[in-house]
Amino acid sequence: MIGYLEGTLFRLEEERLLLLAQQVGYEILLPTFVRNRIGDLAEGDPLALFIYYHQTERQPRPILIGFTSEAEKSFFQSFLSVEAIGPLKAVKALDRPVTEIAAAIENNDLNLLKQLKGIGARTAQKIIATLGGKMDRFVHDGRRPAASSSDVRVVDGATGIRPQVIEVLTSQLGYKLNEARQLVDAALDGHSEITTAEALLDAVLRSR
């Protein structure tokens, strides 16, 4: 079973992408909030995704669904525990950041949940009944003010530390991809002494 993939972006579409890893192309579905986060990537850019793998007797063809962090994948799996929500429905429904949906569940915000694609009043009530009181960690993780080197995941060692820190800024700290790239490039400009991901992340956070 596939749980994680690293490679380069081969093609990005509206609801899916093709990731090239070890000369194999993997078609991966993307929830809208993930698609929005990586929307600025270009062909050939390094990319790492945590994968939810789905295959059943009714669905014999494997489906891969991609996330930029383990927390996002974990939230998705919790979302699937709600009656009548399957993987494909969840992919379409999650069109807002995980932290926002998790907060709505904890706050019994039916109005926000009903705004999710394909989620009506009855399903929104089931979501709160099933997941209420269990979402605080997702709200908390998304509001962390800083990150340490332990948060840095290697995305593409051949290209150095830049993509590692960009990944932390986008998946852990909520920055848009384009903004994260600009912050990292500014921190590196004229600072050849920065040689580790931890030092680069510190430099970026100090500049804010």
N, C-alpha and C. Protein backbone atom coordinates (compact mmCIF):
# COMPACT_ATOMS: atom_id res chain seq x y z
N MET A 1 0.85 -1.20 0.00
CA MET A 1 0.00 0.00 0.00
C MET A 1 0.88 1.25 0.00
N ILE A 2 0.49 2.23 -0.77
CA ILE A 2 1.26 3.47 -0.89
C ILE A 2 0.79 4.46 0.16
N GLY A 3 1.73 4.97 0.97
CA GLY A 3 1.38 5.94 1.99
C GLY A 3 2.06 7.29 1.83
N TYR A 4 3.09 7.35 0.98
CA TYR A 4 3.86 8.58 0.82
C TYR A 4 4.62 8.51 -0.49
N LEU A 5 4.69 9.62 -1.21
CA LEU A 5 5.41 9.67 -2.48
C LEU A 5 6.20 10.96 -2.58
N GLU A 6 7.42 10.86 -3.08
CA GLU A 6 8.25 12.01 -3.41
C GLU A 6 8.60 11.94 -4.89
N GLY A 7 8.60 13.09 -5.54
CA GLY A 7 8.97 13.10 -6.94
C GLY A 7 8.89 14.50 -7.50
N THR A 8 8.56 14.59 -8.78
CA THR A 8 8.41 15.89 -9.44
C THR A 8 7.05 15.96 -10.11
N LEU A 9 6.52 17.15 -10.18
CA LEU A 9 5.22 17.35 -10.79
C LEU A 9 5.32 17.18 -12.31
N PHE A 10 4.53 16.28 -12.84
CA PHE A 10 4.52 16.05 -14.29
C PHE A 10 3.37 16.81 -14.94
N ARG A 11 2.19 16.79 -14.29
CA ARG A 11 1.04 17.52 -14.82
C ARG A 11 0.08 17.82 -13.68
N LEU A 12 -0.44 19.05 -13.67
CA LEU A 12 -1.39 19.48 -12.63
C LEU A 12 -2.70 19.88 -13.30
N GLU A 13 -3.79 19.22 -12.88
CA GLU A 13 -5.11 19.52 -13.40
C GLU A 13 -5.99 20.07 -12.29
N GLU A 14 -7.28 20.24 -12.58
CA GLU A 14 -8.18 20.88 -11.62
C GLU A 14 -8.38 20.06 -10.36
N GLU A 15 -8.53 18.75 -10.50
CA GLU A 15 -8.83 17.92 -9.33
C GLU A 15 -7.81 16.81 -9.11
N ARG A 16 -6.75 16.79 -9.89
CA ARG A 16 -5.77 15.72 -9.78
C ARG A 16 -4.44 16.17 -10.34
N LEU A 17 -3.42 15.36 -10.09
CA LEU A 17 -2.12 15.64 -10.67
C LEU A 17 -1.45 14.32 -11.03
N LEU A 18 -0.40 14.44 -11.81
CA LEU A 18 0.44 13.28 -12.13
C LEU A 18 1.81 13.55 -11.54
N LEU A 19 2.22 12.70 -10.60
CA LEU A 19 3.50 12.83 -9.92
C LEU A 19 4.47 11.80 -10.47
N LEU A 20 5.62 12.26 -10.92
CA LEU A 20 6.63 11.36 -11.48
C LEU A 20 7.62 11.00 -10.37
N ALA A 21 7.64 9.72 -10.00
CA ALA A 21 8.53 9.24 -8.95
C ALA A 21 9.23 7.98 -9.42
N GLN A 22 10.56 8.03 -9.50
CA GLN A 22 11.34 6.88 -9.96
C GLN A 22 10.85 6.39 -11.32
N GLN A 23 10.61 7.34 -12.23
CA GLN A 23 10.20 7.06 -13.61
C GLN A 23 8.83 6.40 -13.71
N VAL A 24 8.03 6.49 -12.64
CA VAL A 24 6.66 6.00 -12.66
C VAL A 24 5.73 7.18 -12.39
N GLY A 25 4.68 7.32 -13.20
CA GLY A 25 3.73 8.41 -13.01
C GLY A 25 2.53 7.96 -12.19
N TYR A 26 2.28 8.63 -11.08
CA TYR A 26 1.16 8.30 -10.20
C TYR A 26 0.07 9.36 -10.34
N GLU A 27 -1.14 8.93 -10.69
CA GLU A 27 -2.28 9.84 -10.75
C GLU A 27 -2.87 9.96 -9.36
N ILE A 28 -2.94 11.19 -8.86
CA ILE A 28 -3.35 11.42 -7.48
C ILE A 28 -4.48 12.45 -7.44
N LEU A 29 -5.58 12.09 -6.80
CA LEU A 29 -6.68 13.03 -6.60
C LEU A 29 -6.33 14.02 -5.51
N LEU A 30 -6.87 15.24 -5.63
CA LEU A 30 -6.56 16.30 -4.67
C LEU A 30 -7.83 16.94 -4.13
N PRO A 31 -8.01 16.95 -2.81
CA PRO A 31 -9.06 17.81 -2.25
C PRO A 31 -8.80 19.25 -2.66
N THR A 32 -9.85 20.05 -2.73
CA THR A 32 -9.70 21.42 -3.22
C THR A 32 -8.71 22.22 -2.40
N PHE A 33 -8.70 22.04 -1.08
CA PHE A 33 -7.79 22.84 -0.27
C PHE A 33 -6.32 22.49 -0.55
N VAL A 34 -6.06 21.24 -0.91
CA VAL A 34 -4.69 20.86 -1.29
C VAL A 34 -4.36 21.43 -2.66
N ARG A 35 -5.29 21.35 -3.59
CA ARG A 35 -5.09 21.90 -4.93
C ARG A 35 -4.79 23.39 -4.86
N ASN A 36 -5.47 24.12 -4.01
CA ASN A 36 -5.23 25.56 -3.86
C ASN A 36 -3.83 25.83 -3.31
N ARG A 37 -3.39 24.98 -2.41
CA ARG A 37 -2.09 25.20 -1.77
C ARG A 37 -0.93 25.01 -2.74
N ILE A 38 -1.05 24.06 -3.64
CA ILE A 38 0.06 23.76 -4.54
C ILE A 38 -0.16 24.31 -5.94
N GLY A 39 -1.15 25.18 -6.08
CA GLY A 39 -1.54 25.66 -7.40
C GLY A 39 -0.47 26.43 -8.15
N ASP A 40 0.53 26.95 -7.46
CA ASP A 40 1.58 27.72 -8.12
C ASP A 40 2.73 26.85 -8.61
N LEU A 41 2.69 25.57 -8.35
CA LEU A 41 3.78 24.70 -8.80
C LEU A 41 3.78 24.58 -10.32
N ALA A 42 4.99 24.41 -10.86
CA ALA A 42 5.16 24.24 -12.30
C ALA A 42 5.68 22.84 -12.58
N GLU A 43 5.55 22.40 -13.82
CA GLU A 43 6.06 21.10 -14.20
C GLU A 43 7.55 20.99 -13.88
N GLY A 44 7.92 19.88 -13.26
CA GLY A 44 9.31 19.66 -12.89
C GLY A 44 9.66 20.07 -11.48
N ASP A 45 8.74 20.77 -10.79
CA ASP A 45 8.99 21.18 -9.40
C ASP A 45 8.93 19.96 -8.48
N PRO A 46 9.78 19.92 -7.45
CA PRO A 46 9.73 18.81 -6.49
C PRO A 46 8.46 18.86 -5.67
N LEU A 47 7.95 17.71 -5.33
CA LEU A 47 6.71 17.64 -4.58
C LEU A 47 6.68 16.35 -3.77
N ALA A 48 6.24 16.44 -2.52
CA ALA A 48 6.07 15.27 -1.66
C ALA A 48 4.65 15.28 -1.14
N LEU A 49 3.98 14.13 -1.19
CA LEU A 49 2.61 14.02 -0.75
C LEU A 49 2.41 12.79 0.13
N PHE A 50 1.65 12.96 1.20
CA PHE A 50 1.16 11.82 1.96
C PHE A 50 -0.07 11.29 1.23
N ILE A 51 -0.17 9.99 1.13
CA ILE A 51 -1.17 9.37 0.28
C ILE A 51 -2.18 8.55 1.09
N TYR A 52 -3.46 8.79 0.81
CA TYR A 52 -4.52 7.90 1.29
C TYR A 52 -4.83 6.96 0.14
N TYR A 53 -4.69 5.66 0.39
CA TYR A 53 -4.85 4.63 -0.64
C TYR A 53 -6.19 3.95 -0.43
N HIS A 54 -7.01 3.92 -1.48
CA HIS A 54 -8.35 3.35 -1.35
C HIS A 54 -8.58 2.31 -2.44
N GLN A 55 -8.95 1.11 -2.01
CA GLN A 55 -9.29 0.04 -2.94
C GLN A 55 -10.20 -0.95 -2.22
N THR A 56 -11.34 -1.25 -2.83
CA THR A 56 -12.29 -2.20 -2.25
C THR A 56 -12.81 -3.10 -3.36
N GLU A 57 -13.64 -4.07 -2.97
CA GLU A 57 -14.26 -4.93 -3.98
C GLU A 57 -15.15 -4.12 -4.91
N ARG A 58 -15.84 -3.14 -4.35
CA ARG A 58 -16.69 -2.28 -5.18
C ARG A 58 -15.86 -1.29 -5.99
N GLN A 59 -14.69 -0.99 -5.48
CA GLN A 59 -13.78 -0.04 -6.16
C GLN A 59 -12.45 -0.74 -6.37
N PRO A 60 -12.39 -1.68 -7.33
CA PRO A 60 -11.16 -2.47 -7.52
C PRO A 60 -9.99 -1.67 -8.06
N ARG A 61 -10.30 -0.59 -8.75
CA ARG A 61 -9.21 0.25 -9.25
C ARG A 61 -8.70 1.14 -8.12
N PRO A 62 -7.41 1.06 -7.78
CA PRO A 62 -6.88 1.86 -6.67
C PRO A 62 -7.05 3.36 -6.91
N ILE A 63 -7.39 4.06 -5.84
CA ILE A 63 -7.49 5.51 -5.87
C ILE A 63 -6.47 6.08 -4.89
N LEU A 64 -5.66 7.01 -5.34
CA LEU A 64 -4.69 7.69 -4.50
C LEU A 64 -5.16 9.12 -4.27
N ILE A 65 -5.16 9.55 -3.02
CA ILE A 65 -5.58 10.90 -2.66
C ILE A 65 -4.43 11.56 -1.91
N GLY A 66 -4.03 12.75 -2.33
CA GLY A 66 -2.81 13.37 -1.82
C GLY A 66 -3.02 14.49 -0.83
N PHE A 67 -2.07 14.59 0.13
CA PHE A 67 -2.10 15.62 1.17
C PHE A 67 -0.68 16.12 1.40
N THR A 68 -0.54 17.36 1.82
CA THR A 68 0.79 17.92 2.04
C THR A 68 1.32 17.71 3.45
N SER A 69 0.50 17.12 4.34
CA SER A 69 0.99 16.83 5.69
C SER A 69 0.25 15.62 6.25
N GLU A 70 0.85 15.01 7.25
CA GLU A 70 0.20 13.87 7.91
C GLU A 70 -1.07 14.30 8.64
N ALA A 71 -1.08 15.54 9.16
CA ALA A 71 -2.27 16.02 9.87
C ALA A 71 -3.46 16.10 8.92
N GLU A 72 -3.23 16.58 7.70
CA GLU A 72 -4.31 16.66 6.72
C GLU A 72 -4.85 15.27 6.38
N LYS A 73 -3.95 14.32 6.20
CA LYS A 73 -4.36 12.95 5.90
C LYS A 73 -5.14 12.36 7.07
N SER A 74 -4.68 12.61 8.29
CA SER A 74 -5.36 12.10 9.47
C SER A 74 -6.76 12.69 9.59
N PHE A 75 -6.88 13.98 9.30
CA PHE A 75 -8.21 14.61 9.34
C PHE A 75 -9.12 13.97 8.31
N PHE A 76 -8.61 13.73 7.12
CA PHE A 76 -9.38 13.10 6.05
C PHE A 76 -9.90 11.74 6.50
N GLN A 77 -9.04 10.97 7.14
CA GLN A 77 -9.45 9.65 7.61
C GLN A 77 -10.53 9.75 8.68
N SER A 78 -10.43 10.76 9.54
CA SER A 78 -11.48 10.98 10.54
C SER A 78 -12.80 11.36 9.85
N PHE A 79 -12.71 12.18 8.83
CA PHE A 79 -13.89 12.63 8.09
C PHE A 79 -14.62 11.44 7.47
N LEU A 80 -13.86 10.44 7.06
CA LEU A 80 -14.45 9.25 6.43
C LEU A 80 -15.24 8.40 7.42
N SER A 81 -15.03 8.62 8.71
CA SER A 81 -15.75 7.83 9.70
C SER A 81 -17.21 8.26 9.82
N VAL A 82 -17.56 9.39 9.20
CA VAL A 82 -18.94 9.87 9.23
C VAL A 82 -19.78 9.04 8.26
N GLU A 83 -20.94 8.61 8.70
CA GLU A 83 -21.82 7.78 7.88
C GLU A 83 -22.15 8.48 6.55
N ALA A 84 -22.07 7.72 5.48
CA ALA A 84 -22.43 8.18 4.13
C ALA A 84 -21.39 9.08 3.48
N ILE A 85 -20.22 9.23 4.10
CA ILE A 85 -19.14 9.99 3.46
C ILE A 85 -18.04 9.02 3.07
N GLY A 86 -17.86 8.86 1.76
CA GLY A 86 -16.79 8.03 1.23
C GLY A 86 -15.65 8.88 0.73
N PRO A 87 -14.56 8.26 0.28
CA PRO A 87 -13.38 9.02 -0.14
C PRO A 87 -13.64 10.03 -1.24
N LEU A 88 -14.39 9.66 -2.26
CA LEU A 88 -14.62 10.59 -3.38
C LEU A 88 -15.51 11.76 -2.95
N LYS A 89 -16.51 11.48 -2.11
CA LYS A 89 -17.35 12.57 -1.61
C LYS A 89 -16.53 13.51 -0.72
N ALA A 90 -15.65 12.92 0.09
CA ALA A 90 -14.82 13.74 0.98
C ALA A 90 -13.86 14.62 0.19
N VAL A 91 -13.30 14.08 -0.89
CA VAL A 91 -12.39 14.87 -1.73
C VAL A 91 -13.09 16.13 -2.24
N LYS A 92 -14.32 15.99 -2.68
CA LYS A 92 -15.06 17.14 -3.21
C LYS A 92 -15.51 18.09 -2.10
N ALA A 93 -15.82 17.52 -0.93
CA ALA A 93 -16.36 18.34 0.16
C ALA A 93 -15.30 19.23 0.81
N LEU A 94 -14.06 18.76 0.87
CA LEU A 94 -13.04 19.49 1.61
C LEU A 94 -12.46 20.62 0.75
N ASP A 95 -13.26 21.69 0.63
CA ASP A 95 -12.84 22.82 -0.19
C ASP A 95 -12.40 24.02 0.66
N ARG A 96 -12.20 23.78 1.95
CA ARG A 96 -11.68 24.78 2.87
C ARG A 96 -10.51 24.18 3.65
N PRO A 97 -9.66 25.01 4.25
CA PRO A 97 -8.55 24.47 5.04
C PRO A 97 -9.04 23.57 6.17
N VAL A 98 -8.26 22.57 6.50
CA VAL A 98 -8.62 21.62 7.55
C VAL A 98 -8.90 22.34 8.86
N THR A 99 -8.09 23.33 9.21
CA THR A 99 -8.28 24.03 10.48
C THR A 99 -9.65 24.70 10.55
N GLU A 100 -10.11 25.24 9.42
CA GLU A 100 -11.40 25.93 9.39
C GLU A 100 -12.55 24.94 9.56
N ILE A 101 -12.46 23.80 8.88
CA ILE A 101 -13.51 22.79 9.01
C ILE A 101 -13.51 22.19 10.41
N ALA A 102 -12.33 21.91 10.94
CA ALA A 102 -12.22 21.35 12.28
C ALA A 102 -12.81 22.30 13.32
N ALA A 103 -12.53 23.59 13.17
CA ALA A 103 -13.08 24.58 14.10
C ALA A 103 -14.60 24.64 14.00
N ALA A 104 -15.12 24.52 12.78
CA ALA A 104 -16.57 24.53 12.60
C ALA A 104 -17.21 23.34 13.30
N ILE A 105 -16.56 22.19 13.23
CA ILE A 105 -17.09 21.00 13.90
C ILE A 105 -17.09 21.21 15.42
N GLU A 106 -15.99 21.73 15.94
CA GLU A 106 -15.90 21.94 17.39
C GLU A 106 -16.87 23.01 17.87
N ASN A 107 -17.19 23.97 17.00
CA ASN A 107 -18.09 25.06 17.39
C ASN A 107 -19.54 24.80 16.99
N ASN A 108 -19.82 23.58 16.54
CA ASN A 108 -21.19 23.23 16.10
C ASN A 108 -21.72 24.19 15.04
N ASP A 109 -20.85 24.58 14.12
CA ASP A 109 -21.21 25.57 13.10
C ASP A 109 -21.82 24.85 11.89
N LEU A 110 -23.12 24.59 11.97
CA LEU A 110 -23.81 23.89 10.89
C LEU A 110 -23.80 24.70 9.60
N ASN A 111 -23.91 26.01 9.71
CA ASN A 111 -23.97 26.85 8.51
C ASN A 111 -22.71 26.71 7.66
N LEU A 112 -21.55 26.70 8.31
CA LEU A 112 -20.31 26.56 7.54
C LEU A 112 -20.22 25.17 6.93
N LEU A 113 -20.55 24.16 7.70
CA LEU A 113 -20.45 22.79 7.18
C LEU A 113 -21.39 22.57 6.00
N LYS A 114 -22.57 23.20 6.03
CA LYS A 114 -23.51 23.06 4.92
C LYS A 114 -23.01 23.74 3.65
N GLN A 115 -22.01 24.62 3.79
CA GLN A 115 -21.44 25.27 2.62
C GLN A 115 -20.42 24.41 1.90
N LEU A 116 -19.98 23.32 2.54
CA LEU A 116 -19.05 22.41 1.89
C LEU A 116 -19.76 21.71 0.74
N LYS A 117 -19.04 21.50 -0.33
CA LYS A 117 -19.65 20.93 -1.53
C LYS A 117 -20.21 19.54 -1.25
N GLY A 118 -21.51 19.37 -1.57
CA GLY A 118 -22.15 18.07 -1.41
C GLY A 118 -22.60 17.73 -0.01
N ILE A 119 -22.46 18.67 0.93
CA ILE A 119 -22.85 18.43 2.32
C ILE A 119 -24.14 19.18 2.63
N GLY A 120 -25.20 18.44 2.90
CA GLY A 120 -26.47 19.05 3.27
C GLY A 120 -26.63 19.13 4.77
N ALA A 121 -27.80 19.59 5.20
CA ALA A 121 -28.05 19.80 6.63
C ALA A 121 -27.94 18.50 7.42
N ARG A 122 -28.51 17.41 6.89
CA ARG A 122 -28.49 16.15 7.63
C ARG A 122 -27.07 15.63 7.77
N THR A 123 -26.29 15.70 6.69
CA THR A 123 -24.90 15.22 6.76
C THR A 123 -24.07 16.10 7.67
N ALA A 124 -24.32 17.40 7.65
CA ALA A 124 -23.60 18.32 8.54
C ALA A 124 -23.86 17.94 10.00
N GLN A 125 -25.09 17.59 10.31
CA GLN A 125 -25.43 17.17 11.67
C GLN A 125 -24.70 15.87 12.03
N LYS A 126 -24.61 14.95 11.07
CA LYS A 126 -23.90 13.70 11.32
C LYS A 126 -22.41 13.96 11.56
N ILE A 127 -21.85 14.91 10.83
CA ILE A 127 -20.43 15.25 11.00
C ILE A 127 -20.17 15.73 12.42
N ILE A 128 -21.03 16.62 12.91
CA ILE A 128 -20.84 17.15 14.27
C ILE A 128 -21.07 16.05 15.31
N ALA A 129 -22.09 15.23 15.08
CA ALA A 129 -22.39 14.16 16.04
C ALA A 129 -21.26 13.14 16.12
N THR A 130 -20.62 12.88 14.97
CA THR A 130 -19.56 11.86 14.93
C THR A 130 -18.21 12.40 15.38
N LEU A 131 -17.90 13.63 14.99
CA LEU A 131 -16.54 14.16 15.19
C LEU A 131 -16.44 15.24 16.25
N GLY A 132 -17.57 15.73 16.74
CA GLY A 132 -17.54 16.78 17.75
C GLY A 132 -16.74 16.36 18.98
N GLY A 133 -15.87 17.25 19.45
CA GLY A 133 -15.03 16.96 20.60
C GLY A 133 -13.75 16.22 20.27
N LYS A 134 -13.53 15.91 18.99
CA LYS A 134 -12.35 15.15 18.57
C LYS A 134 -11.44 15.94 17.63
N MET A 135 -11.77 17.20 17.37
CA MET A 135 -11.08 17.96 16.33
C MET A 135 -10.10 19.00 16.85
N ASP A 136 -9.99 19.11 18.16
CA ASP A 136 -9.17 20.20 18.72
C ASP A 136 -7.73 20.13 18.25
N ARG A 137 -7.18 18.94 18.10
CA ARG A 137 -5.77 18.83 17.70
C ARG A 137 -5.54 19.35 16.30
N PHE A 138 -6.55 19.25 15.43
CA PHE A 138 -6.38 19.77 14.07
C PHE A 138 -6.45 21.30 14.07
N VAL A 139 -7.30 21.85 14.91
CA VAL A 139 -7.35 23.31 15.05
C VAL A 139 -6.04 23.81 15.62
N HIS A 140 -5.55 23.14 16.66
CA HIS A 140 -4.31 23.56 17.34
C HIS A 140 -3.10 23.45 16.42
N ASP A 141 -2.97 22.34 15.68
CA ASP A 141 -1.83 22.14 14.79
C ASP A 141 -1.75 23.23 13.74
N GLY A 142 -2.89 23.68 13.26
CA GLY A 142 -2.89 24.68 12.21
C GLY A 142 -2.59 26.08 12.70
N ARG A 143 -2.56 26.27 14.03
CA ARG A 143 -2.32 27.61 14.57
C ARG A 143 -0.97 27.72 15.25
N ARG A 144 -0.09 26.75 15.03
CA ARG A 144 1.23 26.83 15.65
C ARG A 144 1.97 28.05 15.13
N PRO A 145 2.55 28.86 16.01
CA PRO A 145 3.20 30.08 15.57
C PRO A 145 4.56 29.85 14.96
N ALA A 146 5.15 28.70 15.20
CA ALA A 146 6.50 28.49 14.69
C ALA A 146 6.69 27.01 14.43
N ALA A 147 7.82 26.70 13.76
CA ALA A 147 8.14 25.31 13.48
C ALA A 147 9.61 25.09 13.71
N SER A 148 9.97 23.87 14.07
CA SER A 148 11.37 23.55 14.32
C SER A 148 11.89 22.66 13.21
N SER A 149 13.17 22.36 13.28
CA SER A 149 13.78 21.54 12.24
C SER A 149 13.16 20.16 12.19
N SER A 150 12.54 19.71 13.29
CA SER A 150 11.93 18.39 13.29
C SER A 150 10.70 18.35 12.39
N ASP A 151 10.16 19.55 12.04
CA ASP A 151 9.01 19.60 11.14
C ASP A 151 9.42 19.49 9.69
N VAL A 152 10.71 19.62 9.40
CA VAL A 152 11.17 19.67 8.02
C VAL A 152 11.27 18.28 7.45
N ARG A 153 10.59 18.05 6.35
CA ARG A 153 10.63 16.78 5.65
C ARG A 153 11.41 16.96 4.36
N VAL A 154 12.34 16.08 4.05
CA VAL A 154 13.09 16.18 2.82
C VAL A 154 12.16 15.97 1.63
N VAL A 155 12.16 16.93 0.71
CA VAL A 155 11.34 16.82 -0.48
C VAL A 155 12.17 16.41 -1.67
N ASP A 156 13.32 17.00 -1.82
CA ASP A 156 14.19 16.65 -2.93
C ASP A 156 15.61 17.03 -2.55
N GLY A 157 16.37 16.07 -2.05
CA GLY A 157 17.71 16.37 -1.57
C GLY A 157 18.62 16.96 -2.62
N ALA A 158 18.40 16.64 -3.89
CA ALA A 158 19.27 17.13 -4.96
C ALA A 158 19.17 18.63 -5.12
N THR A 159 18.08 19.23 -4.73
CA THR A 159 17.92 20.67 -4.90
C THR A 159 18.20 21.43 -3.62
N GLY A 160 18.67 20.77 -2.57
CA GLY A 160 19.08 21.46 -1.36
C GLY A 160 17.96 21.71 -0.38
N ILE A 161 18.17 22.72 0.45
CA ILE A 161 17.28 22.97 1.57
C ILE A 161 16.07 23.82 1.22
N ARG A 162 16.11 24.52 0.11
CA ARG A 162 15.03 25.46 -0.24
C ARG A 162 13.65 24.79 -0.25
N PRO A 163 13.45 23.69 -0.98
CA PRO A 163 12.11 23.10 -1.02
C PRO A 163 11.65 22.55 0.32
N GLN A 164 12.59 22.14 1.18
CA GLN A 164 12.21 21.64 2.50
C GLN A 164 11.52 22.73 3.31
N VAL A 165 12.10 23.91 3.30
CA VAL A 165 11.57 25.01 4.11
C VAL A 165 10.28 25.54 3.48
N ILE A 166 10.20 25.58 2.17
CA ILE A 166 8.96 26.00 1.50
C ILE A 166 7.83 25.07 1.90
N GLU A 167 8.12 23.77 1.97
CA GLU A 167 7.09 22.80 2.34
C GLU A 167 6.59 23.04 3.76
N VAL A 168 7.50 23.36 4.69
CA VAL A 168 7.10 23.64 6.07
C VAL A 168 6.23 24.89 6.13
N LEU A 169 6.63 25.92 5.41
CA LEU A 169 5.88 27.18 5.44
C LEU A 169 4.46 27.00 4.91
N THR A 170 4.30 26.17 3.89
CA THR A 170 2.98 25.99 3.30
C THR A 170 2.14 24.98 4.06
N SER A 171 2.70 23.81 4.38
CA SER A 171 1.89 22.75 4.99
C SER A 171 1.71 22.92 6.48
N GLN A 172 2.69 23.56 7.16
CA GLN A 172 2.61 23.68 8.62
C GLN A 172 2.20 25.07 9.09
N LEU A 173 2.60 26.09 8.35
CA LEU A 173 2.37 27.46 8.82
C LEU A 173 1.37 28.24 7.99
N GLY A 174 0.82 27.63 6.96
CA GLY A 174 -0.31 28.23 6.26
C GLY A 174 0.00 29.27 5.21
N TYR A 175 1.27 29.41 4.81
CA TYR A 175 1.61 30.37 3.77
C TYR A 175 1.21 29.85 2.40
N LYS A 176 0.84 30.77 1.49
CA LYS A 176 0.64 30.41 0.10
C LYS A 176 1.99 30.05 -0.50
N LEU A 177 1.96 29.18 -1.50
CA LEU A 177 3.21 28.69 -2.08
C LEU A 177 4.05 29.81 -2.65
N ASN A 178 3.44 30.73 -3.37
CA ASN A 178 4.20 31.82 -3.98
C ASN A 178 4.84 32.71 -2.92
N GLU A 179 4.09 32.98 -1.85
CA GLU A 179 4.62 33.80 -0.76
C GLU A 179 5.77 33.09 -0.06
N ALA A 180 5.64 31.78 0.16
CA ALA A 180 6.70 31.02 0.80
C ALA A 180 7.98 31.04 -0.03
N ARG A 181 7.84 30.90 -1.33
CA ARG A 181 9.02 30.95 -2.21
C ARG A 181 9.73 32.30 -2.11
N GLN A 182 8.95 33.38 -2.10
CA GLN A 182 9.54 34.73 -2.01
C GLN A 182 10.27 34.92 -0.68
N LEU A 183 9.66 34.44 0.41
CA LEU A 183 10.29 34.58 1.72
C LEU A 183 11.61 33.81 1.79
N VAL A 184 11.61 32.59 1.26
CA VAL A 184 12.82 31.77 1.28
C VAL A 184 13.91 32.39 0.41
N ASP A 185 13.54 32.85 -0.77
CA ASP A 185 14.54 33.46 -1.66
C ASP A 185 15.14 34.72 -1.03
N ALA A 186 14.29 35.51 -0.36
CA ALA A 186 14.78 36.73 0.29
C ALA A 186 15.74 36.39 1.43
N ALA A 187 15.42 35.33 2.19
CA ALA A 187 16.28 34.93 3.31
C ALA A 187 17.62 34.40 2.82
N LEU A 188 17.63 33.75 1.66
CA LEU A 188 18.87 33.18 1.11
C LEU A 188 19.73 34.22 0.42
N ASP A 189 19.12 35.28 -0.07
CA ASP A 189 19.84 36.28 -0.85
C ASP A 189 20.98 36.90 -0.05
N GLY A 190 22.20 36.64 -0.48
CA GLY A 190 23.37 37.23 0.16
C GLY A 190 23.77 36.59 1.46
N HIS A 191 23.20 35.44 1.78
CA HIS A 191 23.51 34.77 3.05
C HIS A 191 24.04 33.37 2.78
N SER A 192 25.23 33.29 2.31
CA SER A 192 25.83 32.00 1.97
C SER A 192 26.11 31.15 3.21
N GLU A 193 26.07 31.78 4.40
CA GLU A 193 26.34 31.03 5.62
C GLU A 193 25.18 30.11 6.01
N ILE A 194 24.01 30.30 5.38
CA ILE A 194 22.86 29.44 5.67
C ILE A 194 23.03 28.14 4.91
N THR A 195 23.26 27.06 5.64
CA THR A 195 23.55 25.78 4.99
C THR A 195 22.62 24.66 5.46
N THR A 196 21.75 24.95 6.41
CA THR A 196 20.84 23.91 6.91
C THR A 196 19.40 24.41 6.81
N ALA A 197 18.47 23.47 6.77
CA ALA A 197 17.05 23.83 6.72
C ALA A 197 16.63 24.57 7.98
N GLU A 198 17.17 24.16 9.12
CA GLU A 198 16.81 24.81 10.39
C GLU A 198 17.24 26.29 10.37
N ALA A 199 18.45 26.56 9.90
CA ALA A 199 18.94 27.95 9.85
C ALA A 199 18.11 28.78 8.88
N LEU A 200 17.76 28.17 7.76
CA LEU A 200 16.95 28.92 6.78
C LEU A 200 15.56 29.21 7.31
N LEU A 201 14.95 28.24 7.96
CA LEU A 201 13.63 28.47 8.54
C LEU A 201 13.67 29.55 9.61
N ASP A 202 14.71 29.53 10.44
CA ASP A 202 14.88 30.58 11.46
C ASP A 202 15.00 31.95 10.83
N ALA A 203 15.76 32.04 9.73
CA ALA A 203 15.97 33.31 9.04
C ALA A 203 14.66 33.83 8.46
N VAL A 204 13.86 32.94 7.91
CA VAL A 204 12.56 33.35 7.36
C VAL A 204 11.64 33.86 8.46
N LEU A 205 11.56 33.13 9.58
CA LEU A 205 10.66 33.51 10.65
C LEU A 205 11.10 34.82 11.32
N ARG A 206 12.41 35.05 11.38
CA ARG A 206 12.91 36.31 11.95
C ARG A 206 12.55 37.51 11.07
N SER A 207 12.42 37.27 9.77
CA SER A 207 12.14 38.38 8.86
C SER A 207 10.68 38.83 8.88
N ARG A 208 9.81 38.02 9.52
CA ARG A 208 8.39 38.35 9.53
C ARG A 208 8.06 39.35 10.62
